[in-house]
Amino acid sequence: MPIDAGSLHFAVGPAIALAMVGLIALFLRWAFASPGADRRGEADAGEGLLTPVASLTRRESALALRAVLSDAGIRSTLREPAPHRTDVLVFPEDAPRARELAMSFRRE
């Protein structure tokens, strides 16, 4: 059977395959997107699981504050968002008490 040289029927199969791969990719992006993916950058500090209560320049001071919080029964963790900056984070229900302890904490 002769093939017409001006016909593009040979491109129909690959075009359909590419279109299907694109549709599958869009579906997977929608299906596995995180709930707040469309609002990245709009989140403020109060929306996260942990709340910052102090920001210190020395990691040793942050570790000492964390020990004080631990002695008071407050769970905490550290975050280092930039060089020479360490944040102490606690759960929101412990934040008011942790802030009081952080204010009375002597920074050296």
C-alpha atoms as a PDB file:
ATOM      1  CA  MET A   1       0.000   0.000   0.000  1.00  0.00           C
ATOM      2  CA  PRO A   2       1.587   3.303  -1.042  1.00  0.00           C
ATOM      3  CA  ILE A   3       2.070   6.094   1.553  1.00  0.00           C
ATOM      4  CA  ASP A   4       1.176   9.623   0.595  1.00  0.00           C
ATOM      5  CA  ALA A   5       4.270  11.807   1.108  1.00  0.00           C
ATOM      6  CA  GLY A   6       2.223  14.865   2.150  1.00  0.00           C
ATOM      7  CA  SER A   7       0.254  13.098   4.861  1.00  0.00           C
ATOM      8  CA  LEU A   8       0.972  13.568   8.574  1.00  0.00           C
ATOM      9  CA  HIS A   9      -0.750  10.392   9.727  1.00  0.00           C
ATOM     10  CA  PHE A  10       2.588   9.135  11.133  1.00  0.00           C
ATOM     11  CA  ALA A  11       2.518  11.980  13.718  1.00  0.00           C
ATOM     12  CA  VAL A  12      -0.953  11.192  15.101  1.00  0.00           C
ATOM     13  CA  GLY A  13       0.226   8.367  17.374  1.00  0.00           C
ATOM     14  CA  PRO A  14       3.072  10.310  19.041  1.00  0.00           C
ATOM     15  CA  ALA A  15       0.840  13.394  19.388  1.00  0.00           C
ATOM     16  CA  ILE A  16      -1.819  11.375  21.211  1.00  0.00           C
ATOM     17  CA  ALA A  17       0.862   9.807  23.439  1.00  0.00           C
ATOM     18  CA  LEU A  18       2.302  13.230  24.359  1.00  0.00           C
ATOM     19  CA  ALA A  19      -1.166  14.601  25.076  1.00  0.00           C
ATOM     20  CA  MET A  20      -1.942  11.655  27.369  1.00  0.00           C
ATOM     21  CA  VAL A  21       1.376  12.043  29.244  1.00  0.00           C
ATOM     22  CA  GLY A  22       0.575  15.746  29.736  1.00  0.00           C
ATOM     23  CA  LEU A  23      -2.909  14.971  31.062  1.00  0.00           C
ATOM     24  CA  ILE A  24      -1.519  12.347  33.434  1.00  0.00           C
ATOM     25  CA  ALA A  25       1.118  14.828  34.679  1.00  0.00           C
ATOM     26  CA  LEU A  26      -1.557  17.471  35.355  1.00  0.00           C
ATOM     27  CA  PHE A  27      -3.732  14.952  37.172  1.00  0.00           C
ATOM     28  CA  LEU A  28      -0.828  13.769  39.349  1.00  0.00           C
ATOM     29  CA  ARG A  29       0.129  17.355  40.184  1.00  0.00           C
ATOM     30  CA  TRP A  30      -3.443  18.057  41.273  1.00  0.00           C
ATOM     31  CA  ALA A  31      -3.823  14.751  43.155  1.00  0.00           C
ATOM     32  CA  PHE A  32      -0.571  14.970  45.132  1.00  0.00           C
ATOM     33  CA  ALA A  33      -0.415  18.725  45.760  1.00  0.00           C
ATOM     34  CA  SER A  34      -0.085  19.774  49.381  1.00  0.00           C
ATOM     35  CA  PRO A  35      -3.173  21.489  50.840  1.00  0.00           C
ATOM     36  CA  GLY A  36      -1.550  24.919  51.170  1.00  0.00           C
ATOM     37  CA  ALA A  37       0.536  24.805  47.988  1.00  0.00           C
ATOM     38  CA  ASP A  38      -1.425  27.620  46.375  1.00  0.00           C
ATOM     39  CA  ARG A  39      -0.825  29.912  49.372  1.00  0.00           C
ATOM     40  CA  ARG A  40       2.961  29.522  49.826  1.00  0.00           C
ATOM     41  CA  GLY A  41       4.436  32.845  50.899  1.00  0.00           C
ATOM     42  CA  GLU A  42       1.155  34.069  52.403  1.00  0.00           C
ATOM     43  CA  ALA A  43       1.521  32.042  55.584  1.00  0.00           C
ATOM     44  CA  ASP A  44       2.272  33.967  58.729  1.00  0.00           C
ATOM     45  CA  ALA A  45       3.958  32.656  61.875  1.00  0.00           C
ATOM     46  CA  GLY A  46       0.678  31.756  63.581  1.00  0.00           C
ATOM     47  CA  GLU A  47      -0.415  29.221  60.977  1.00  0.00           C
ATOM     48  CA  GLY A  48       2.324  26.667  61.568  1.00  0.00           C
ATOM     49  CA  LEU A  49       2.432  23.853  64.068  1.00  0.00           C
ATOM     50  CA  LEU A  50       5.187  25.515  66.105  1.00  0.00           C
ATOM     51  CA  THR A  51       5.387  29.123  67.291  1.00  0.00           C
ATOM     52  CA  PRO A  52       8.634  31.076  67.689  1.00  0.00           C
ATOM     53  CA  VAL A  53       9.120  32.465  71.211  1.00  0.00           C
ATOM     54  CA  ALA A  54      12.691  33.780  71.020  1.00  0.00           C
ATOM     55  CA  SER A  55      15.362  34.559  68.460  1.00  0.00           C
ATOM     56  CA  LEU A  56      18.946  34.459  69.698  1.00  0.00           C
ATOM     57  CA  THR A  57      22.288  35.189  68.063  1.00  0.00           C
ATOM     58  CA  ARG A  58      24.193  32.360  69.761  1.00  0.00           C
ATOM     59  CA  ARG A  59      23.233  28.700  69.508  1.00  0.00           C
ATOM     60  CA  GLU A  60      24.557  28.077  73.026  1.00  0.00           C
ATOM     61  CA  SER A  61      22.129  30.653  74.443  1.00  0.00           C
ATOM     62  CA  ALA A  62      19.279  29.031  72.548  1.00  0.00           C
ATOM     63  CA  LEU A  63      20.245  25.626  73.950  1.00  0.00           C
ATOM     64  CA  ALA A  64      20.313  27.097  77.472  1.00  0.00           C
ATOM     65  CA  LEU A  65      16.842  28.621  76.969  1.00  0.00           C
ATOM     66  CA  ARG A  66      15.636  25.294  75.653  1.00  0.00           C
ATOM     67  CA  ALA A  67      16.904  23.621  78.848  1.00  0.00           C
ATOM     68  CA  VAL A  68      15.008  26.189  80.955  1.00  0.00           C
ATOM     69  CA  LEU A  69      11.840  25.482  78.964  1.00  0.00           C
ATOM     70  CA  SER A  70      12.363  21.753  79.346  1.00  0.00           C
ATOM     71  CA  ASP A  71      12.705  22.137  83.129  1.00  0.00           C
ATOM     72  CA  ALA A  72       9.331  23.932  83.082  1.00  0.00           C
ATOM     73  CA  GLY A  73       7.775  21.031  81.159  1.00  0.00           C
ATOM     74  CA  ILE A  74       7.587  22.856  77.822  1.00  0.00           C
ATOM     75  CA  ARG A  75       8.663  20.951  74.713  1.00  0.00           C
ATOM     76  CA  SER A  76      10.726  23.015  72.300  1.00  0.00           C
ATOM     77  CA  THR A  77      13.007  22.794  69.294  1.00  0.00           C
ATOM     78  CA  LEU A  78      15.512  24.989  67.495  1.00  0.00           C
ATOM     79  CA  ARG A  79      15.559  26.422  63.992  1.00  0.00           C
ATOM     80  CA  GLU A  80      18.463  28.213  62.336  1.00  0.00           C
ATOM     81  CA  PRO A  81      16.940  30.307  59.521  1.00  0.00           C
ATOM     82  CA  ALA A  82      20.096  32.377  58.948  1.00  0.00           C
ATOM     83  CA  PRO A  83      23.718  32.486  60.059  1.00  0.00           C
ATOM     84  CA  HIS A  84      24.108  33.751  63.627  1.00  0.00           C
ATOM     85  CA  ARG A  85      20.388  33.420  64.305  1.00  0.00           C
ATOM     86  CA  THR A  86      18.671  30.618  66.197  1.00  0.00           C
ATOM     87  CA  ASP A  87      14.926  30.562  66.864  1.00  0.00           C
ATOM     88  CA  VAL A  88      13.358  28.655  69.761  1.00  0.00           C
ATOM     89  CA  LEU A  89       9.995  27.141  68.776  1.00  0.00           C
ATOM     90  CA  VAL A  90       7.227  25.725  70.988  1.00  0.00           C
ATOM     91  CA  PHE A  91       3.693  24.458  70.528  1.00  0.00           C
ATOM     92  CA  PRO A  92       1.056  27.239  70.408  1.00  0.00           C
ATOM     93  CA  GLU A  93      -0.624  26.182  73.679  1.00  0.00           C
ATOM     94  CA  ASP A  94       2.714  26.579  75.521  1.00  0.00           C
ATOM     95  CA  ALA A  95       3.690  29.862  73.839  1.00  0.00           C
ATOM     96  CA  PRO A  96       2.473  32.373  76.476  1.00  0.00           C
ATOM     97  CA  ARG A  97       4.259  30.573  79.323  1.00  0.00           C
ATOM     98  CA  ALA A  98       7.351  30.043  77.178  1.00  0.00           C
ATOM     99  CA  ARG A  99       7.470  33.751  76.281  1.00  0.00           C
ATOM    100  CA  GLU A 100       7.363  34.661  79.980  1.00  0.00           C
ATOM    101  CA  LEU A 101      10.272  32.328  80.669  1.00  0.00           C
ATOM    102  CA  ALA A 102      12.150  33.651  77.630  1.00  0.00           C
ATOM    103  CA  MET A 103      11.730  37.250  78.830  1.00  0.00           C
ATOM    104  CA  SER A 104      13.151  36.364  82.240  1.00  0.00           C
ATOM    105  CA  PHE A 105      15.951  34.285  80.673  1.00  0.00           C
ATOM    106  CA  ARG A 106      19.322  35.966  81.038  1.00  0.00           C
ATOM    107  CA  ARG A 107      21.063  36.137  77.663  1.00  0.00           C
ATOM    108  CA  GLU A 108      24.830  36.035  77.798  1.00  0.00           C
END
